[in-house]
Amino acid sequence: MTTSLRRTPLARLLTISLCIGAIGIAGCNKTDSTPSAPAPAPAPPAAAAPAPAPAAPAPAAYTPPSAEQLYQLVAPIALYPDKLVAQVLAGATYPDQITAAHGWLAQNASLKGGPLADAANQQPWDPSVKSLTAFRPVLDQMAGNIAWTEALGQAYYNDPADVMNAIQVMRQRASAAGRLKNNDKLRVASAATPRNYAPAPDVQPVYAGPAVVEPPPQFITIEPAQPDVVYVPSYDPQRIYGEPVPVYPGYAYTPPVEVAPGYSRGQMAAAGAFTFGLGVVVGAALERHDWGWRSWDVNWGAPRYRDRDRAVPPAYARPAVVYNNSTYISRSTTVVNNVRNVYNNNAPRGLPPGAPPPNFAAAPGLPPPQNAQFAQQQQQQQQQREQQARQQQAFMRQQQEQQQAAQQAQQLQARQRQQEQQERHARLQQHPQQDPLQRQQAQQAQQQAQQQAQRQARQQARQQERLAQQQARAASQAQQQQAMQERQQQRQSAQQEQSRRQQMQQQQAQQQARVLQQQQAQQQQMQRQQAQQQARQQQHQEQLQRQQQEAQAARQQQQRQQAIQQQQQQQQQRQQQQAQQQAQQAQQIRQQQQQAQQHAAAAAAAAAHRRPPGRPGEPPKDQP
């Protein structure tokens, strides 16, 4: 009996020591273990099962901008023709390709019309980016405001309905202010569903929350006045809509090069009026490719479906960009909200997670664009962030496992102490008549067990202290690594900012050169127009002089004819007078002859009365 009582506390004490030591050793081993294969802790299997692979934190759901932010975002392009709006919205989902296409156009500035379209068709770009190469001012605007372009593309990609409703709201404002109306370059009308439009059955999921911008009661369409010539309107987005609209943060408006005759740029901007550049011919040169001007359109939806959060409208009633009579679906991996991969027209899905972004080719023999380095830096930053997230998750798991182990050890010790007390109490009740020696031995064993427990508690405290120090060192190292990563990111951001500034300076220099070229071309055109106008004025003056000379000659001829007629009339009058005089003279002569005959007859008669009758056959004799 004495032996069993003596061995029982010692065995129990040895068991407790071994358990605590195993727990401490397991905790120490977990400090140096890799995150991918942690050692299992003495806990339920469901809680101790390690994750199959470390994963980054789940991305947050898409949060759409406010209505005012959407108005600011779409203000620079809301008054473009519908087909151009479709190309801009689709191209904005590929900001990296916009930058690449802008640099490629600068390197191939001599390409025009059909050769430009053929060369763009060889590039690995989205059809929307290829079609935008025909509209260099628009591409300049998008590349020069790349942050705005990316924000526009992200908004359209995730929430096309609110973006396109915001465009209609801005058109309604411009129309109410009297700025949007028919002219010789644009035609404004009521919207209708495009002909032969068939919504795509595999559209990507989009924002389905409450409507940010309700559709207006009537939609407005804008089309070129000439079917084969497109004039891109240029306007100040802050003034064109009547009430001033705040400029989207970071957006830089470039005033137009060409203005209306008789007005300065300042006058046109202050008046909030349209200006137009040279027309872009969109005939056979672009239509020989399937991404030409007529391949694009816009479906503005149906005004009656106003409460999108109450009832989902049918596919044909949802606003969408239309490409080749079907819903356009972007395959961009740049503006996606990191929730899904999408595909377009049964094409392969986007790049897998962690894959480098595509490096878009430039013209043959030319250096690659700068956006490849920028994309590589972004990829490195993303990998660093993922690695840091994995390290933090592993550190948190390690802390949780250590805390669980410590709690389990404490619970085990408490249960063992409680069990020992219960056993001692039971023994005391069973053997109240124990001799003093046995009680003394039991007390000594109990004291030894308590001392051993205290030593183990101190050892465990030291182990926990070392563990806390290791955790502190690990946290300090993680902070230092995070600080180094932040400094590296800052350096990379500074390099990117410097590269972006250099690129912006190059773009500004190129734009200034183009502006100068356009100004020179405009001046030459104005000079030609002035020369043509002067030639027309001179020709008109010469024609007036000839007409005046002819009129004067006609008047002189008429005067001569009138003089001749007067002379003829005078001659006729003289002839008539002479004839009258001759007739009068002849009449006078006849009268005189008659009078003479009468006098002669009278004299003969008188003589016949005075002489005597003569002899027969003898003539009468005249009286003396």
Foldseek 3Di string as FASTA:
>chain_A
DLVVLLVVLVVLLVVLVVLLVVLLVLLVVQLPDDLQDGDFFPDDPVVRDHDNDDDFDDFDDDDADFLLLLLQLCLQPLQWAFLLVLLLLQCLLPLVVLLQLLVQCLVVVVDAFQRLLVVLVPWPDDLSSSQCNLVNVVSLQCNLQVVSSNSSNLNCQAPVLLNLLSSQVLVVLLVVVVADDDDQFKHKDWDDQDPLADEDPFADHHDQAWRNHFHDQTGMGMDTNDPFWHWTKAWDSQPSRPHGRDHNPRRDGDQDLDDDPPDDSVVCHVVGHIDTDGIRGQPPSQVVDQSGSVQKGWQNAHNVPGGSNVPPDDRSRGTAIGGNSYGAHHQRPPSDSPPDWGDGPPDDTHDDPLDQDDQIDHDPPDDGDPVSVVSVVVSVLVVVSGVLSSVVVSLVVSVVSSVVSVVVSVVVVVVSVVVVVVVVVVVCVVCVPDDPVSVVSSVVSVVVSVVSVVVSVVVVVVSVVVVVVSSVVVVVVSVVVVVVSVVVVVVVVVVVVVVVVVVSVVSVVSVVVVSVVVNVVVVVVVVVVVVVVVVVVVVVVVVVVVVVVVVVVVVVVVVVVVVVVVVVVVVVVVVVVVVVVVVVVVVVVVVVVVVVVVVVVVQVVVQVVPDDDDDPPDDDDGDD
